[in-house]
Each structure stands twice: as structure tokens, then as C-alpha cells.
Amino acid sequence: MKKIPLRIAAAALGVLFLSACEQAAVALPGDTPPDRYADPQQIARGKAVYQANCMECHGTDGKGPPGDWRIRDADGRFPPPPLDDSAHAWHHPTADLLEMIREGSPGGQGNMPAWKGKLSEAQMQDSVAYIKSLWSDEVYQLWWKMEKQSLED
């Protein structure tokens, strides 16, 4: 039997929790996320990094390429998902998003290359700030609940 990595299991549980909270319209105390627009220069830098390195695969404004990102291609790999709030990027804490950028697609699941050594850590953080700026306020609020949980673990 194949073991599920702890981060994936935790993320899945987090998504189930967030879905339950969303359906019940539960507002937890202290759930105000940080202002993701507090540093407009970081978002602008992230957009420039995104446009130069990510847009070719993930589409303009993170909308993804045509087709269904959930269906594997002929090589058995998933196509690049949208990074706006229409797919699953927001289901991952910041640490996981940065790891995906650094290391590329996990276990041959997709075609994303590793950007470690090609982009600086600051450029990767800037690109994540830009991606978060693409999410709706509702999705960002849900993401923040999961982010907080991941930081407490």
C-alpha cells in the first residue's frame, strides 16, 4: 500500500474542514487574513516574474491553458492548472506553493520544472504574492484559514 505524505493528508483534511465551514457559513474568531495588497511593489514584481516565467504554461492572469487541467495527458501527466481561484492552488499553504515552485511537479505528476537555481527566493515569494492577488476575497479568506492551520502544525 502506498503511503500518503503527511502534507498531502493534512491539506486534504484542511480542504474538508474549510468546505464544512463554508457550507455552514462559520466565521471563526481571529480569522482576518493579512492584507495581501499591503505591498503593491511585491505584487508588481511577482507579476513580472509570472509573466516572464509562468504565463506560458499557466495562462494570462493565472487562468490556465484551454482544456481540463484535471485530465492527464498522453504521458500520464496533468497539464498546468490555473493559478487563479478556479483550480486548486489556493488549497495549498504558502510553504507548499513555494516548494512546488522550487522543486517542480511532485513525482512526475505534471510537467512543471524546478525553478530552484533559476529564480531567487525573493522572486519565488513575489510570484506567490502575485498569485494570491488573483484570488477572490472569499477564496483568500478560506485559504487563510488553512494557512493558519498549517502554521500551527
Protein backbone atom coordinates (compact mmCIF):
# COMPACT_ATOMS: atom_id res chain seq x y z
CA MET A 1 0.00 0.00 0.00
CA LYS A 2 1.34 3.43 -0.95
CA LYS A 3 1.78 5.88 1.93
CA ILE A 4 0.26 9.34 1.61
CA PRO A 5 2.70 12.10 2.59
CA LEU A 6 1.65 13.91 5.76
CA ARG A 7 1.44 17.31 3.99
CA ILE A 8 -0.99 15.95 1.41
CA ALA A 9 -3.16 14.29 4.07
CA ALA A 10 -3.14 17.48 6.16
CA ALA A 11 -4.04 19.59 3.13
CA ALA A 12 -6.90 17.23 2.25
CA LEU A 13 -8.25 17.42 5.79
CA GLY A 14 -7.88 21.19 5.71
CA VAL A 15 -9.91 21.38 2.50
CA LEU A 16 -12.65 19.22 4.04
CA PHE A 17 -12.68 21.48 7.11
CA LEU A 18 -12.82 24.62 5.00
CA SER A 19 -15.62 23.18 2.89
CA ALA A 20 -17.63 22.42 6.02
CA CYS A 21 -17.01 25.93 7.35
CA GLU A 22 -18.02 27.45 4.03
CA GLN A 23 -21.22 25.41 3.87
CA ALA A 24 -22.12 26.28 7.46
CA ALA A 25 -21.02 29.92 7.00
CA VAL A 26 -18.99 29.60 10.19
CA ALA A 27 -16.83 32.61 10.99
CA LEU A 28 -14.07 31.77 13.43
CA PRO A 29 -12.61 34.45 15.71
CA GLY A 30 -9.29 35.91 14.61
CA ASP A 31 -9.76 34.82 11.02
CA THR A 32 -8.88 38.14 9.43
CA PRO A 33 -6.14 37.39 6.91
CA PRO A 34 -3.23 39.77 6.38
CA ASP A 35 -3.76 42.41 3.71
CA ARG A 36 -2.47 40.72 0.57
CA TYR A 37 -2.31 44.09 -1.18
CA ALA A 38 -0.17 45.76 1.53
CA ASP A 39 2.94 45.64 -0.68
CA PRO A 40 1.92 46.64 -4.21
CA GLN A 41 5.58 46.65 -5.30
CA GLN A 42 5.90 42.97 -4.35
CA ILE A 43 2.79 42.14 -6.36
CA ALA A 44 4.15 44.10 -9.34
CA ARG A 45 7.49 42.27 -9.09
CA GLY A 46 5.62 38.97 -8.81
CA LYS A 47 3.53 39.78 -11.86
CA ALA A 48 6.72 40.48 -13.84
CA VAL A 49 8.23 37.14 -12.69
CA TYR A 50 4.97 35.39 -13.54
CA GLN A 51 4.74 36.95 -17.00
CA ALA A 52 8.35 36.05 -17.80
CA ASN A 53 8.36 32.51 -16.43
CA CYS A 54 4.90 31.15 -15.65
CA MET A 55 2.37 32.69 -18.03
CA GLU A 56 3.36 30.48 -20.96
CA CYS A 57 2.02 27.42 -19.12
CA HIS A 58 -0.41 28.82 -16.53
CA GLY A 59 -2.03 31.42 -18.79
CA THR A 60 -2.71 35.13 -18.63
CA ASP A 61 -3.76 36.21 -15.14
CA GLY A 62 -3.41 32.60 -13.96
CA LYS A 63 -6.47 31.47 -15.91
CA GLY A 64 -4.71 28.34 -17.19
CA PRO A 65 -4.46 26.86 -20.65
CA PRO A 66 -7.51 25.68 -22.61
CA GLY A 67 -8.85 22.30 -21.60
CA ASP A 68 -9.38 20.49 -18.34
CA TRP A 69 -6.36 20.64 -16.02
CA ARG A 70 -7.70 17.61 -14.12
CA ILE A 71 -7.31 15.18 -17.03
CA ARG A 72 -3.94 13.54 -17.57
CA ASP A 73 -2.27 13.89 -20.95
CA ALA A 74 -0.99 11.03 -23.16
CA ASP A 75 2.14 10.81 -20.97
CA GLY A 76 0.04 10.40 -17.83
CA ARG A 77 0.83 13.87 -16.50
CA PHE A 78 -1.52 16.63 -15.51
CA PRO A 79 -1.47 19.83 -17.57
CA PRO A 80 -0.68 23.11 -15.80
CA PRO A 81 -3.59 24.14 -13.60
CA PRO A 82 -5.00 27.64 -13.43
CA LEU A 83 -3.48 29.59 -10.54
CA ASP A 84 -6.42 31.92 -10.04
CA ASP A 85 -9.15 30.71 -7.69
CA SER A 86 -10.77 28.43 -10.28
CA ALA A 87 -8.47 25.48 -9.56
CA HIS A 88 -6.58 24.19 -6.56
CA ALA A 89 -3.57 26.46 -5.95
CA TRP A 90 -5.46 28.17 -3.13
CA HIS A 91 -5.85 24.80 -1.38
CA HIS A 92 -2.13 24.86 -0.55
CA PRO A 93 -0.33 26.79 2.19
CA THR A 94 2.37 29.24 1.17
CA ALA A 95 5.15 26.82 2.12
CA ASP A 96 3.75 24.20 -0.27
CA LEU A 97 3.33 26.70 -3.10
CA LEU A 98 6.97 27.78 -2.69
CA GLU A 99 8.12 24.16 -2.56
CA MET A 100 6.24 23.42 -5.80
CA ILE A 101 7.97 26.35 -7.48
CA ARG A 102 11.38 25.33 -6.13
CA GLU A 103 11.12 21.61 -6.83
CA GLY A 104 8.64 21.37 -9.71
CA SER A 105 5.82 18.87 -10.08
CA PRO A 106 5.92 16.17 -7.42
CA GLY A 107 6.66 12.63 -8.52
CA GLY A 108 6.20 13.22 -12.23
CA GLN A 109 2.57 14.28 -11.76
CA GLY A 110 2.96 17.25 -14.09
CA ASN A 111 5.47 18.99 -16.31
CA MET A 112 6.39 21.92 -14.07
CA PRO A 113 10.16 22.32 -13.92
CA ALA A 114 12.07 23.10 -10.76
CA TRP A 115 12.83 26.83 -10.56
CA LYS A 116 15.41 26.46 -7.78
CA GLY A 117 18.65 27.98 -9.07
CA LYS A 118 16.77 29.80 -11.85
CA LEU A 119 14.70 32.16 -9.71
CA SER A 120 15.81 33.72 -6.44
CA GLU A 121 13.88 33.01 -3.25
CA ALA A 122 12.60 36.60 -3.37
CA GLN A 123 11.35 36.12 -6.94
CA MET A 124 9.51 32.96 -5.89
CA GLN A 125 7.92 34.75 -2.92
CA ASP A 126 6.96 37.67 -5.15
CA SER A 127 5.31 35.32 -7.64
CA VAL A 128 3.27 33.69 -4.86
CA ALA A 129 2.19 37.16 -3.66
CA TYR A 130 1.03 37.90 -7.21
CA ILE A 131 -0.86 34.59 -7.46
CA LYS A 132 -2.65 35.31 -4.18
CA SER A 133 -3.67 38.70 -5.57
CA LEU A 134 -5.64 36.85 -8.28
CA TRP A 135 -7.93 35.11 -5.78
CA SER A 136 -11.34 36.43 -4.79
CA ASP A 137 -11.76 37.76 -1.26
CA GLU A 138 -13.91 34.75 -0.35
CA VAL A 139 -11.30 32.25 -1.56
CA TYR A 140 -8.50 34.22 0.10
CA GLN A 141 -10.40 34.05 3.40
CA LEU A 142 -10.78 30.26 3.06
CA TRP A 143 -7.11 29.94 2.11
CA TRP A 144 -6.11 31.96 5.19
CA LYS A 145 -7.89 29.50 7.50
CA MET A 146 -5.89 26.67 6.01
CA GLU A 147 -2.66 28.71 6.06
CA LYS A 148 -3.14 29.41 9.79
CA GLN A 149 -3.71 25.72 10.44
CA SER A 150 -0.55 24.79 8.53
CA LEU A 151 1.48 27.29 10.57
CA GLU A 152 0.17 25.80 13.84
CA ASP A 153 1.22 22.24 12.92
